[in-house]
């Protein structure tokens, strides 16, 4: 349920820190690959992590979520009950829109703040991980390049079932609500194939790390 953000990249001067939009379907391995870039010195702003912080105990989204959906939407420890809210959002389109109206502005603000901090810290480039980037509006103008993490749908399904315990039909329903594999690939400037062995990622990440560092020098 993490959402797109809207940090615009337009109007930055030549030599400004590049913003790279990173996306991929559920189970594609976005977090694993983002961390490989971080190990090489990139900054990461993860909208999924921002959403988790907002819906953790005491998070800024907890009160409005309780008001909108009742006590059942909040777990005993004070965090948002993700299973309950996910079920509600998928079964009731109006509830999904209501949830997005609560979360999206807060995620946008958190994303802006994270990007500003990364730039101030001298990052060579900033990866902005947005699971629903392709589904959002005006995404092309926000980033200098779009990086898509790709893998076959069967691999996605297997990974998600293993890590979350969801049934196959539940995973397929989540995938059906996201952009298709073809839509993501059509939006990509760069693609990392994460359908094989983990060792195959190293060279792919190294090549793109070099490319993204060069963007700031060229002012592209």
N, C-alpha and C. Protein backbone atom coordinates (compact mmCIF):
# COMPACT_ATOMS: atom_id res chain seq x y z
N UNK A 1 0.81 -1.20 0.00
CA UNK A 1 0.00 0.00 0.00
C UNK A 1 0.85 1.26 0.00
N UNK A 2 2.14 1.10 -0.12
CA UNK A 2 2.99 2.28 -0.25
C UNK A 2 2.63 2.99 -1.53
N UNK A 3 2.84 4.29 -1.55
CA UNK A 3 2.28 5.06 -2.63
C UNK A 3 3.32 5.86 -3.36
N UNK A 4 2.96 6.39 -4.54
CA UNK A 4 3.85 7.27 -5.26
C UNK A 4 4.06 8.57 -4.51
N UNK A 5 5.19 9.19 -4.72
CA UNK A 5 5.41 10.52 -4.18
C UNK A 5 5.54 11.49 -5.34
N UNK A 6 5.74 12.77 -5.06
CA UNK A 6 5.71 13.75 -6.13
C UNK A 6 6.82 14.77 -6.01
N UNK A 7 8.02 14.31 -5.65
CA UNK A 7 9.15 15.23 -5.58
C UNK A 7 9.60 15.54 -6.98
N UNK A 8 9.37 16.75 -7.43
CA UNK A 8 9.71 17.11 -8.80
C UNK A 8 11.20 17.27 -8.98
N UNK A 9 11.69 16.85 -10.14
CA UNK A 9 13.09 17.01 -10.46
C UNK A 9 13.31 18.09 -11.49
N UNK A 10 12.24 18.70 -11.96
CA UNK A 10 12.38 19.69 -13.02
C UNK A 10 13.00 20.96 -12.48
N UNK A 11 13.77 21.64 -13.33
CA UNK A 11 14.33 22.92 -12.95
C UNK A 11 15.59 22.85 -12.16
N UNK A 12 16.18 21.66 -11.93
CA UNK A 12 17.43 21.59 -11.19
C UNK A 12 18.57 22.06 -12.07
N UNK A 13 19.52 22.79 -11.53
CA UNK A 13 20.62 23.29 -12.32
C UNK A 13 21.57 22.18 -12.76
N UNK A 14 22.37 22.48 -13.80
CA UNK A 14 23.36 21.52 -14.26
C UNK A 14 24.27 21.12 -13.11
N UNK A 15 24.57 19.84 -13.02
CA UNK A 15 25.44 19.36 -11.96
C UNK A 15 24.71 19.03 -10.68
N UNK A 16 23.36 19.23 -10.66
CA UNK A 16 22.60 18.92 -9.46
C UNK A 16 22.60 17.42 -9.22
N UNK A 17 22.34 17.03 -7.97
CA UNK A 17 22.33 15.62 -7.61
C UNK A 17 21.24 14.88 -8.38
N UNK A 18 21.59 13.83 -9.12
CA UNK A 18 20.57 13.10 -9.87
C UNK A 18 19.61 12.34 -8.95
N UNK A 19 18.35 12.31 -9.34
CA UNK A 19 17.35 11.50 -8.67
C UNK A 19 17.00 10.35 -9.61
N UNK A 20 17.09 9.13 -9.09
CA UNK A 20 16.82 7.94 -9.87
C UNK A 20 15.58 7.26 -9.28
N UNK A 21 14.55 7.12 -10.07
CA UNK A 21 13.35 6.43 -9.61
C UNK A 21 13.53 4.93 -9.74
N UNK A 22 13.41 4.22 -8.63
CA UNK A 22 13.58 2.77 -8.61
C UNK A 22 12.23 2.12 -8.35
N UNK A 23 11.86 1.17 -9.20
CA UNK A 23 10.56 0.53 -9.02
C UNK A 23 10.61 -0.90 -9.49
N UNK A 24 9.55 -1.62 -9.24
CA UNK A 24 9.43 -3.02 -9.62
C UNK A 24 8.21 -3.61 -8.94
N UNK A 25 7.73 -4.71 -9.46
CA UNK A 25 6.55 -5.33 -8.87
C UNK A 25 6.85 -5.96 -7.52
N UNK A 26 5.81 -6.33 -6.82
CA UNK A 26 5.97 -6.99 -5.53
C UNK A 26 6.81 -8.26 -5.71
N UNK A 27 7.76 -8.46 -4.81
CA UNK A 27 8.61 -9.65 -4.89
C UNK A 27 9.72 -9.58 -5.91
N UNK A 28 9.93 -8.42 -6.52
CA UNK A 28 10.97 -8.31 -7.54
C UNK A 28 12.36 -8.17 -6.93
N UNK A 29 12.43 -7.78 -5.66
CA UNK A 29 13.73 -7.64 -5.00
C UNK A 29 14.24 -6.21 -4.95
N UNK A 30 13.32 -5.26 -4.91
CA UNK A 30 13.71 -3.84 -4.90
C UNK A 30 14.61 -3.50 -3.72
N UNK A 31 14.24 -3.97 -2.54
CA UNK A 31 15.01 -3.61 -1.34
C UNK A 31 16.41 -4.20 -1.38
N UNK A 32 16.51 -5.44 -1.80
CA UNK A 32 17.83 -6.08 -1.88
C UNK A 32 18.75 -5.31 -2.81
N UNK A 33 18.24 -4.94 -3.96
CA UNK A 33 19.07 -4.24 -4.94
C UNK A 33 19.35 -2.81 -4.51
N UNK A 34 18.37 -2.15 -3.92
CA UNK A 34 18.61 -0.79 -3.42
C UNK A 34 19.75 -0.80 -2.42
N UNK A 35 19.79 -1.81 -1.57
CA UNK A 35 20.86 -1.89 -0.56
C UNK A 35 22.23 -2.10 -1.19
N UNK A 36 22.28 -2.78 -2.32
CA UNK A 36 23.56 -2.94 -3.03
C UNK A 36 24.07 -1.59 -3.54
N UNK A 37 23.17 -0.73 -3.97
CA UNK A 37 23.57 0.62 -4.38
C UNK A 37 24.03 1.44 -3.17
N UNK A 38 23.32 1.29 -2.06
CA UNK A 38 23.70 2.01 -0.84
C UNK A 38 25.10 1.61 -0.40
N UNK A 39 25.43 0.33 -0.53
CA UNK A 39 26.78 -0.14 -0.17
C UNK A 39 27.85 0.54 -1.01
N UNK A 40 27.47 1.02 -2.19
CA UNK A 40 28.42 1.71 -3.07
C UNK A 40 28.40 3.22 -2.86
N UNK A 41 27.61 3.69 -1.91
CA UNK A 41 27.62 5.11 -1.58
C UNK A 41 26.41 5.90 -2.00
N UNK A 42 25.46 5.27 -2.65
CA UNK A 42 24.25 5.99 -3.05
C UNK A 42 23.39 6.27 -1.82
N UNK A 43 22.56 7.31 -1.92
CA UNK A 43 21.56 7.57 -0.89
C UNK A 43 20.25 6.92 -1.31
N UNK A 44 19.48 6.47 -0.35
CA UNK A 44 18.20 5.82 -0.62
C UNK A 44 17.09 6.50 0.14
N UNK A 45 16.03 6.85 -0.56
CA UNK A 45 14.79 7.30 0.05
C UNK A 45 13.73 6.28 -0.33
N UNK A 46 13.25 5.53 0.64
CA UNK A 46 12.35 4.41 0.40
C UNK A 46 10.94 4.79 0.84
N UNK A 47 10.03 4.94 -0.12
CA UNK A 47 8.68 5.36 0.24
C UNK A 47 7.94 4.28 1.02
N UNK A 48 8.29 3.02 0.81
CA UNK A 48 7.69 1.94 1.60
C UNK A 48 8.09 2.09 3.07
N UNK A 49 9.37 2.39 3.32
CA UNK A 49 9.83 2.58 4.68
C UNK A 49 9.16 3.79 5.33
N UNK A 50 9.01 4.84 4.55
CA UNK A 50 8.32 6.03 5.07
C UNK A 50 6.89 5.66 5.46
N UNK A 51 6.22 4.88 4.62
CA UNK A 51 4.85 4.47 4.92
C UNK A 51 4.79 3.62 6.19
N UNK A 52 5.77 2.75 6.38
CA UNK A 52 5.81 1.93 7.60
C UNK A 52 6.00 2.80 8.84
N UNK A 53 6.84 3.81 8.73
CA UNK A 53 7.07 4.71 9.87
C UNK A 53 5.80 5.50 10.20
N UNK A 54 5.09 5.90 9.17
CA UNK A 54 3.86 6.66 9.38
C UNK A 54 2.77 5.82 10.05
N UNK A 55 2.81 4.51 9.80
CA UNK A 55 1.77 3.63 10.34
C UNK A 55 2.26 2.78 11.51
N UNK A 56 3.46 3.11 12.03
CA UNK A 56 3.96 2.46 13.24
C UNK A 56 3.29 3.08 14.46
N UNK A 57 3.44 2.47 15.64
CA UNK A 57 2.85 3.07 16.84
C UNK A 57 3.29 4.52 17.02
N UNK A 58 2.34 5.41 17.16
CA UNK A 58 2.64 6.83 17.32
C UNK A 58 2.90 7.55 16.02
N UNK A 59 2.83 6.83 14.88
CA UNK A 59 3.07 7.46 13.59
C UNK A 59 2.00 8.49 13.23
N UNK A 60 2.37 9.40 12.35
CA UNK A 60 1.46 10.51 12.03
C UNK A 60 0.17 10.06 11.36
N UNK A 61 0.15 8.86 10.78
CA UNK A 61 -1.06 8.41 10.09
C UNK A 61 -2.02 7.63 10.98
N UNK A 62 -1.58 7.26 12.17
CA UNK A 62 -2.39 6.38 13.01
C UNK A 62 -3.73 7.02 13.41
N UNK A 63 -3.68 8.24 13.88
CA UNK A 63 -4.93 8.88 14.32
C UNK A 63 -5.93 9.02 13.18
N UNK A 64 -5.54 9.58 12.02
CA UNK A 64 -6.53 9.68 10.94
C UNK A 64 -7.01 8.34 10.42
N UNK A 65 -6.16 7.30 10.46
CA UNK A 65 -6.61 5.98 10.03
C UNK A 65 -7.64 5.43 11.00
N UNK A 66 -7.41 5.62 12.30
CA UNK A 66 -8.40 5.16 13.30
C UNK A 66 -9.73 5.90 13.11
N UNK A 67 -9.64 7.19 12.86
CA UNK A 67 -10.86 7.98 12.66
C UNK A 67 -11.63 7.50 11.43
N UNK A 68 -10.89 7.19 10.36
CA UNK A 68 -11.52 6.81 9.10
C UNK A 68 -12.08 5.39 9.12
N UNK A 69 -11.35 4.45 9.74
CA UNK A 69 -11.69 3.04 9.60
C UNK A 69 -12.01 2.33 10.92
N UNK A 70 -11.91 3.06 12.03
CA UNK A 70 -12.29 2.48 13.30
C UNK A 70 -11.15 1.77 14.00
N UNK A 71 -11.41 1.32 15.22
CA UNK A 71 -10.38 0.68 16.04
C UNK A 71 -9.86 -0.61 15.43
N UNK A 72 -10.67 -1.27 14.60
CA UNK A 72 -10.24 -2.54 13.99
C UNK A 72 -9.04 -2.35 13.07
N UNK A 73 -8.83 -1.14 12.62
CA UNK A 73 -7.72 -0.87 11.70
C UNK A 73 -6.39 -0.71 12.43
N UNK A 74 -6.43 -0.70 13.77
CA UNK A 74 -5.22 -0.50 14.57
C UNK A 74 -4.98 -1.75 15.42
N UNK A 75 -3.78 -2.31 15.31
CA UNK A 75 -3.44 -3.52 16.06
C UNK A 75 -3.26 -3.21 17.54
N UNK A 76 -3.15 -4.26 18.32
CA UNK A 76 -3.05 -4.09 19.77
C UNK A 76 -1.82 -3.30 20.19
N UNK A 77 -0.74 -3.38 19.39
CA UNK A 77 0.48 -2.67 19.76
C UNK A 77 0.50 -1.22 19.27
N UNK A 78 -0.60 -0.79 18.63
CA UNK A 78 -0.70 0.61 18.23
C UNK A 78 -0.34 0.91 16.79
N UNK A 79 0.11 -0.10 16.07
CA UNK A 79 0.43 0.13 14.66
C UNK A 79 -0.79 -0.19 13.79
N UNK A 80 -0.79 0.26 12.56
CA UNK A 80 -1.86 -0.07 11.65
C UNK A 80 -1.88 -1.57 11.41
N UNK A 81 -3.06 -2.15 11.45
CA UNK A 81 -3.21 -3.58 11.15
C UNK A 81 -3.18 -3.73 9.63
N UNK A 82 -2.01 -4.05 9.08
CA UNK A 82 -1.83 -4.05 7.64
C UNK A 82 -2.70 -5.09 6.94
N UNK A 83 -2.86 -6.24 7.55
CA UNK A 83 -3.69 -7.28 6.93
C UNK A 83 -5.14 -6.82 6.82
N UNK A 84 -5.65 -6.23 7.91
CA UNK A 84 -7.03 -5.76 7.90
C UNK A 84 -7.22 -4.64 6.88
N UNK A 85 -6.32 -3.68 6.90
CA UNK A 85 -6.47 -2.53 6.02
C UNK A 85 -6.25 -2.94 4.56
N UNK A 86 -5.31 -3.86 4.32
CA UNK A 86 -5.09 -4.36 2.95
C UNK A 86 -6.36 -5.01 2.42
N UNK A 87 -6.98 -5.85 3.25
CA UNK A 87 -8.21 -6.52 2.84
C UNK A 87 -9.31 -5.50 2.55
N UNK A 88 -9.42 -4.51 3.40
CA UNK A 88 -10.43 -3.47 3.23
C UNK A 88 -10.20 -2.69 1.94
N UNK A 89 -8.95 -2.33 1.71
CA UNK A 89 -8.62 -1.52 0.54
C UNK A 89 -8.86 -2.27 -0.76
N UNK A 90 -8.59 -3.57 -0.77
CA UNK A 90 -8.78 -4.34 -2.00
C UNK A 90 -10.25 -4.68 -2.24
N UNK A 91 -11.03 -4.76 -1.18
CA UNK A 91 -12.45 -5.12 -1.35
C UNK A 91 -13.35 -3.91 -1.54
N UNK A 92 -12.88 -2.73 -1.10
CA UNK A 92 -13.70 -1.53 -1.18
C UNK A 92 -12.90 -0.39 -1.80
N UNK A 93 -13.13 -0.12 -3.08
CA UNK A 93 -12.37 0.96 -3.75
C UNK A 93 -12.45 2.29 -3.02
N UNK A 94 -13.59 2.61 -2.43
CA UNK A 94 -13.73 3.88 -1.73
C UNK A 94 -12.81 3.94 -0.51
N UNK A 95 -12.66 2.79 0.16
CA UNK A 95 -11.76 2.73 1.31
C UNK A 95 -10.31 2.92 0.87
N UNK A 96 -9.98 2.34 -0.26
CA UNK A 96 -8.61 2.50 -0.77
C UNK A 96 -8.32 3.97 -1.07
N UNK A 97 -9.26 4.64 -1.70
CA UNK A 97 -9.08 6.06 -2.00
C UNK A 97 -8.95 6.88 -0.72
N UNK A 98 -9.74 6.51 0.29
CA UNK A 98 -9.68 7.22 1.57
C UNK A 98 -8.33 7.01 2.24
N UNK A 99 -7.82 5.78 2.18
CA UNK A 99 -6.50 5.49 2.76
C UNK A 99 -5.42 6.28 2.03
N UNK A 100 -5.49 6.31 0.70
CA UNK A 100 -4.50 7.05 -0.08
C UNK A 100 -4.54 8.53 0.24
N UNK A 101 -5.75 9.07 0.47
CA UNK A 101 -5.88 10.49 0.80
C UNK A 101 -5.21 10.81 2.13
N UNK A 102 -5.15 9.85 3.02
CA UNK A 102 -4.46 10.03 4.29
C UNK A 102 -2.95 9.91 4.11
N UNK A 103 -2.53 8.83 3.43
CA UNK A 103 -1.11 8.51 3.38
C UNK A 103 -0.30 9.31 2.36
N UNK A 104 -0.87 9.55 1.20
CA UNK A 104 -0.07 10.15 0.12
C UNK A 104 0.56 11.50 0.49
N UNK A 105 -0.20 12.44 1.05
CA UNK A 105 0.45 13.71 1.40
C UNK A 105 1.57 13.54 2.42
N UNK A 106 1.39 12.64 3.38
CA UNK A 106 2.41 12.41 4.39
C UNK A 106 3.65 11.76 3.78
N UNK A 107 3.45 10.83 2.86
CA UNK A 107 4.57 10.18 2.19
C UNK A 107 5.31 11.17 1.30
N UNK A 108 4.57 12.03 0.62
CA UNK A 108 5.22 13.05 -0.22
C UNK A 108 6.13 13.94 0.62
N UNK A 109 5.64 14.35 1.78
CA UNK A 109 6.43 15.23 2.64
C UNK A 109 7.67 14.50 3.16
N UNK A 110 7.49 13.24 3.56
CA UNK A 110 8.63 12.46 4.02
C UNK A 110 9.66 12.24 2.92
N UNK A 111 9.19 12.06 1.70
CA UNK A 111 10.09 11.86 0.57
C UNK A 111 10.88 13.12 0.27
N UNK A 112 10.20 14.24 0.25
CA UNK A 112 10.89 15.53 0.03
C UNK A 112 11.98 15.74 1.08
N UNK A 113 11.63 15.50 2.32
CA UNK A 113 12.58 15.69 3.41
C UNK A 113 13.79 14.76 3.25
N UNK A 114 13.52 13.50 2.88
CA UNK A 114 14.60 12.55 2.70
C UNK A 114 15.53 12.92 1.56
N UNK A 115 14.96 13.39 0.46
CA UNK A 115 15.77 13.81 -0.68
C UNK A 115 16.64 15.02 -0.31
N UNK A 116 16.03 15.98 0.36
CA UNK A 116 16.78 17.17 0.76
C UNK A 116 17.94 16.81 1.69
N UNK A 117 17.71 15.89 2.63
CA UNK A 117 18.77 15.48 3.55
C UNK A 117 19.89 14.76 2.80
N UNK A 118 19.52 13.90 1.84
CA UNK A 118 20.52 13.16 1.08
C UNK A 118 21.39 14.10 0.25
N UNK A 119 20.76 15.09 -0.37
CA UNK A 119 21.51 16.06 -1.18
C UNK A 119 22.43 16.89 -0.29
N UNK A 120 21.89 17.32 0.85
CA UNK A 120 22.71 18.11 1.78
C UNK A 120 23.90 17.31 2.29
N UNK A 121 23.74 16.00 2.36
CA UNK A 121 24.81 15.14 2.84
C UNK A 121 25.85 14.80 1.78
N UNK A 122 25.65 15.30 0.57
CA UNK A 122 26.65 15.12 -0.48
C UNK A 122 26.55 13.81 -1.24
N UNK A 123 25.39 13.19 -1.26
CA UNK A 123 25.23 11.93 -1.98
C UNK A 123 25.52 12.12 -3.47
N UNK A 124 26.19 11.16 -4.12
CA UNK A 124 26.46 11.29 -5.54
C UNK A 124 25.19 11.22 -6.38
N UNK A 125 24.22 10.49 -5.89
CA UNK A 125 22.89 10.42 -6.51
C UNK A 125 21.94 9.83 -5.48
N UNK A 126 20.65 10.03 -5.71
CA UNK A 126 19.64 9.56 -4.76
C UNK A 126 18.71 8.59 -5.47
N UNK A 127 18.61 7.38 -4.93
CA UNK A 127 17.60 6.42 -5.38
C UNK A 127 16.32 6.68 -4.60
N UNK A 128 15.23 6.87 -5.32
CA UNK A 128 13.93 7.04 -4.68
C UNK A 128 13.11 5.80 -5.04
N UNK A 129 12.95 4.91 -4.07
CA UNK A 129 12.25 3.65 -4.30
C UNK A 129 10.75 3.88 -4.16
N UNK A 130 10.03 3.66 -5.25
CA UNK A 130 8.59 3.89 -5.30
C UNK A 130 7.92 2.66 -5.92
N UNK A 131 7.34 1.78 -5.12
CA UNK A 131 6.73 0.57 -5.68
C UNK A 131 5.70 0.85 -6.78
N UNK A 132 4.91 1.90 -6.63
CA UNK A 132 3.87 2.20 -7.61
C UNK A 132 4.24 3.40 -8.47
N UNK A 133 5.49 3.53 -8.81
CA UNK A 133 5.95 4.68 -9.59
C UNK A 133 5.24 4.77 -10.94
N UNK A 134 5.18 3.68 -11.68
CA UNK A 134 4.59 3.71 -13.01
C UNK A 134 3.09 4.00 -12.94
N UNK A 135 2.46 3.60 -11.82
CA UNK A 135 1.03 3.84 -11.66
C UNK A 135 0.72 5.29 -11.32
N UNK A 136 1.71 6.04 -10.88
CA UNK A 136 1.49 7.42 -10.46
C UNK A 136 1.44 8.35 -11.67
N UNK A 137 1.04 9.58 -11.43
CA UNK A 137 0.95 10.57 -12.50
C UNK A 137 2.22 11.43 -12.53
N UNK A 138 2.57 11.85 -13.74
CA UNK A 138 3.69 12.79 -13.93
C UNK A 138 5.01 12.26 -13.41
N UNK A 139 5.19 10.94 -13.41
CA UNK A 139 6.42 10.38 -12.86
C UNK A 139 7.62 10.68 -13.72
N UNK A 140 7.44 10.81 -15.03
CA UNK A 140 8.59 11.00 -15.90
C UNK A 140 9.35 12.27 -15.59
N UNK A 141 8.68 13.34 -15.23
CA UNK A 141 9.36 14.60 -14.96
C UNK A 141 10.07 14.66 -13.62
N UNK A 142 9.90 13.64 -12.78
CA UNK A 142 10.47 13.70 -11.44
C UNK A 142 11.90 13.18 -11.36
N UNK A 143 12.29 12.37 -12.31
CA UNK A 143 13.57 11.67 -12.21
C UNK A 143 14.36 11.79 -13.50
N UNK A 144 15.68 11.72 -13.36
CA UNK A 144 16.52 11.73 -14.55
C UNK A 144 16.53 10.37 -15.23
N UNK A 145 16.41 9.31 -14.43
CA UNK A 145 16.32 7.98 -15.01
C UNK A 145 15.39 7.11 -14.16
N UNK A 146 14.75 6.15 -14.84
CA UNK A 146 13.88 5.19 -14.17
C UNK A 146 14.55 3.83 -14.22
N UNK A 147 14.77 3.25 -13.04
CA UNK A 147 15.37 1.92 -12.93
C UNK A 147 14.29 0.92 -12.53
N UNK A 148 14.08 -0.08 -13.36
CA UNK A 148 13.09 -1.11 -13.08
C UNK A 148 13.80 -2.41 -12.69
N UNK A 149 13.38 -2.98 -11.56
CA UNK A 149 13.86 -4.29 -11.14
C UNK A 149 12.89 -5.32 -11.70
N UNK A 150 13.40 -6.21 -12.53
CA UNK A 150 12.53 -7.11 -13.28
C UNK A 150 12.82 -8.57 -12.93
N UNK A 151 11.76 -9.38 -12.92
CA UNK A 151 11.90 -10.82 -12.80
C UNK A 151 10.60 -11.45 -13.29
N UNK A 152 10.62 -12.72 -13.64
CA UNK A 152 9.40 -13.37 -14.12
C UNK A 152 8.31 -13.39 -13.05
N UNK A 153 7.05 -13.31 -13.47
CA UNK A 153 5.95 -13.32 -12.51
C UNK A 153 5.96 -14.52 -11.57
N UNK A 154 6.32 -15.69 -12.05
CA UNK A 154 6.34 -16.87 -11.18
C UNK A 154 7.36 -16.72 -10.06
N UNK A 155 8.46 -16.06 -10.36
CA UNK A 155 9.47 -15.81 -9.32
C UNK A 155 8.90 -14.85 -8.28
N UNK A 156 8.22 -13.81 -8.73
CA UNK A 156 7.58 -12.87 -7.81
C UNK A 156 6.63 -13.60 -6.86
N UNK A 157 5.76 -14.41 -7.45
CA UNK A 157 4.75 -15.11 -6.65
C UNK A 157 5.41 -16.00 -5.60
N UNK A 158 6.41 -16.75 -6.02
CA UNK A 158 7.10 -17.66 -5.10
C UNK A 158 7.75 -16.89 -3.96
N UNK A 159 8.43 -15.79 -4.27
CA UNK A 159 9.11 -15.01 -3.24
C UNK A 159 8.11 -14.45 -2.23
N UNK A 160 7.01 -13.90 -2.72
CA UNK A 160 6.04 -13.27 -1.81
C UNK A 160 5.37 -14.32 -0.94
N UNK A 161 5.03 -15.46 -1.51
CA UNK A 161 4.41 -16.52 -0.72
C UNK A 161 5.36 -17.01 0.37
N UNK A 162 6.64 -17.13 0.04
CA UNK A 162 7.62 -17.61 1.02
C UNK A 162 7.79 -16.63 2.18
N UNK A 163 7.84 -15.34 1.87
CA UNK A 163 8.17 -14.37 2.91
C UNK A 163 6.97 -13.91 3.71
N UNK A 164 5.78 -13.97 3.12
CA UNK A 164 4.62 -13.37 3.78
C UNK A 164 3.57 -14.37 4.22
N UNK A 165 3.62 -15.57 3.66
CA UNK A 165 2.60 -16.55 4.00
C UNK A 165 1.27 -16.35 3.30
N UNK A 166 1.22 -15.42 2.36
CA UNK A 166 -0.01 -15.19 1.61
C UNK A 166 -0.28 -16.36 0.67
N UNK A 167 -1.56 -16.57 0.37
CA UNK A 167 -1.93 -17.58 -0.61
C UNK A 167 -1.65 -17.06 -2.01
N UNK A 168 -1.49 -17.99 -2.95
CA UNK A 168 -1.19 -17.61 -4.33
C UNK A 168 -2.22 -16.62 -4.88
N UNK A 169 -3.50 -16.88 -4.63
CA UNK A 169 -4.55 -16.00 -5.15
C UNK A 169 -4.42 -14.59 -4.60
N UNK A 170 -4.00 -14.47 -3.35
CA UNK A 170 -3.82 -13.15 -2.76
C UNK A 170 -2.67 -12.40 -3.43
N UNK A 171 -1.58 -13.11 -3.69
CA UNK A 171 -0.44 -12.48 -4.36
C UNK A 171 -0.82 -12.07 -5.77
N UNK A 172 -1.53 -12.93 -6.46
CA UNK A 172 -1.94 -12.61 -7.83
C UNK A 172 -2.86 -11.39 -7.85
N UNK A 173 -3.71 -11.25 -6.83
CA UNK A 173 -4.60 -10.09 -6.76
C UNK A 173 -3.80 -8.81 -6.57
N UNK A 174 -2.76 -8.86 -5.74
CA UNK A 174 -1.90 -7.69 -5.55
C UNK A 174 -1.20 -7.34 -6.85
N UNK A 175 -0.67 -8.35 -7.54
CA UNK A 175 0.02 -8.11 -8.80
C UNK A 175 -0.92 -7.54 -9.85
N UNK A 176 -2.16 -8.01 -9.86
CA UNK A 176 -3.13 -7.52 -10.84
C UNK A 176 -3.47 -6.05 -10.62
N UNK A 177 -3.32 -5.58 -9.38
CA UNK A 177 -3.62 -4.18 -9.07
C UNK A 177 -2.46 -3.26 -9.40
N UNK A 178 -1.29 -3.85 -9.71
CA UNK A 178 -0.11 -3.06 -10.06
C UNK A 178 0.03 -2.97 -11.57
N UNK A 179 0.93 -2.11 -12.01
CA UNK A 179 1.25 -2.06 -13.43
C UNK A 179 1.76 -3.42 -13.88
N UNK A 180 1.56 -3.73 -15.15
CA UNK A 180 2.04 -5.01 -15.67
C UNK A 180 3.55 -4.97 -15.87
N UNK A 181 4.11 -6.13 -16.03
CA UNK A 181 5.55 -6.23 -16.31
C UNK A 181 5.89 -5.44 -17.57
N UNK A 182 5.09 -5.58 -18.60
CA UNK A 182 5.36 -4.86 -19.86
C UNK A 182 5.28 -3.35 -19.67
N UNK A 183 4.33 -2.88 -18.86
CA UNK A 183 4.20 -1.44 -18.62
C UNK A 183 5.43 -0.90 -17.90
N UNK A 184 5.92 -1.64 -16.92
CA UNK A 184 7.12 -1.18 -16.21
C UNK A 184 8.33 -1.16 -17.13
N UNK A 185 8.50 -2.20 -17.92
CA UNK A 185 9.65 -2.25 -18.81
C UNK A 185 9.58 -1.15 -19.86
N UNK A 186 8.38 -0.81 -20.30
CA UNK A 186 8.24 0.27 -21.28
C UNK A 186 8.63 1.62 -20.69
N UNK A 187 8.49 1.76 -19.38
CA UNK A 187 8.83 3.02 -18.72
C UNK A 187 10.31 3.13 -18.35
N UNK A 188 11.03 2.02 -18.45
CA UNK A 188 12.39 1.95 -17.91
C UNK A 188 13.42 2.62 -18.81
N UNK A 189 14.34 3.33 -18.16
CA UNK A 189 15.59 3.73 -18.81
C UNK A 189 16.63 2.64 -18.59
N UNK A 190 16.57 2.01 -17.43
CA UNK A 190 17.53 0.98 -17.05
C UNK A 190 16.77 -0.18 -16.42
N UNK A 191 17.28 -1.39 -16.61
CA UNK A 191 16.64 -2.59 -16.06
C UNK A 191 17.69 -3.46 -15.40
N UNK A 192 17.38 -3.96 -14.22
CA UNK A 192 18.20 -4.98 -13.57
C UNK A 192 17.38 -6.27 -13.56
N UNK A 193 17.98 -7.32 -14.10
CA UNK A 193 17.35 -8.64 -14.12
C UNK A 193 17.63 -9.34 -12.80
N UNK A 194 16.58 -9.53 -12.01
CA UNK A 194 16.72 -10.21 -10.72
C UNK A 194 15.97 -11.53 -10.72
N UNK A 195 15.98 -12.19 -11.87
CA UNK A 195 15.29 -13.47 -11.95
C UNK A 195 16.20 -14.66 -11.78
N UNK A 196 17.51 -14.40 -11.60
CA UNK A 196 18.46 -15.50 -11.52
C UNK A 196 19.18 -15.56 -10.20
N UNK A 197 20.46 -15.92 -10.25
CA UNK A 197 21.26 -16.06 -9.06
C UNK A 197 21.65 -14.68 -8.50
N UNK A 198 21.73 -14.55 -7.17
CA UNK A 198 22.10 -13.26 -6.56
C UNK A 198 23.44 -12.73 -7.05
N UNK A 199 24.38 -13.64 -7.35
CA UNK A 199 25.68 -13.20 -7.80
C UNK A 199 25.66 -12.44 -9.11
N UNK A 200 24.60 -12.63 -9.89
CA UNK A 200 24.50 -11.93 -11.17
C UNK A 200 24.18 -10.45 -11.01
N UNK A 201 23.83 -10.05 -9.80
CA UNK A 201 23.45 -8.65 -9.57
C UNK A 201 24.65 -7.71 -9.49
N UNK A 202 25.78 -8.23 -9.06
CA UNK A 202 26.93 -7.37 -8.77
C UNK A 202 27.36 -6.55 -9.97
N UNK A 203 27.53 -7.19 -11.10
CA UNK A 203 27.99 -6.46 -12.29
C UNK A 203 26.94 -5.48 -12.79
N UNK A 204 25.66 -5.84 -12.66
CA UNK A 204 24.60 -4.95 -13.12
C UNK A 204 24.56 -3.67 -12.26
N UNK A 205 24.68 -3.85 -10.95
CA UNK A 205 24.67 -2.71 -10.05
C UNK A 205 25.90 -1.84 -10.27
N UNK A 206 27.06 -2.46 -10.46
CA UNK A 206 28.30 -1.71 -10.66
C UNK A 206 28.21 -0.84 -11.91
N UNK A 207 27.67 -1.39 -12.98
CA UNK A 207 27.56 -0.62 -14.23
C UNK A 207 26.66 0.59 -14.06
N UNK A 208 25.51 0.40 -13.40
CA UNK A 208 24.58 1.51 -13.24
C UNK A 208 25.07 2.52 -12.21
N UNK A 209 25.76 2.06 -11.19
CA UNK A 209 26.35 2.99 -10.22
C UNK A 209 27.30 3.95 -10.94
N UNK A 210 28.11 3.42 -11.83
CA UNK A 210 29.03 4.27 -12.61
C UNK A 210 28.25 5.24 -13.49
N UNK A 211 27.20 4.76 -14.11
CA UNK A 211 26.38 5.62 -14.97
C UNK A 211 25.76 6.76 -14.17
N UNK A 212 25.17 6.46 -13.02
CA UNK A 212 24.47 7.47 -12.24
C UNK A 212 25.43 8.49 -11.64
N UNK A 213 26.61 8.06 -11.26
CA UNK A 213 27.61 9.02 -10.77
C UNK A 213 28.01 9.98 -11.90
N UNK A 214 28.07 9.49 -13.11
CA UNK A 214 28.41 10.34 -14.23
C UNK A 214 27.37 11.38 -14.56
N UNK A 215 26.11 11.11 -14.21
CA UNK A 215 25.05 12.07 -14.51
C UNK A 215 25.27 13.40 -13.83
N UNK A 216 25.71 13.37 -12.58
CA UNK A 216 25.90 14.62 -11.83
C UNK A 216 27.05 15.42 -12.40
N UNK A 217 28.05 14.73 -12.94
CA UNK A 217 29.21 15.45 -13.51
C UNK A 217 28.83 16.12 -14.82
N UNK A 218 27.94 15.45 -15.57
CA UNK A 218 27.53 15.98 -16.87
C UNK A 218 26.41 17.01 -16.76
N UNK A 219 25.70 16.96 -15.59
CA UNK A 219 24.55 17.84 -15.43
C UNK A 219 23.38 17.43 -16.28
N UNK A 220 23.24 16.14 -16.54
CA UNK A 220 22.15 15.66 -17.38
C UNK A 220 20.87 15.51 -16.57
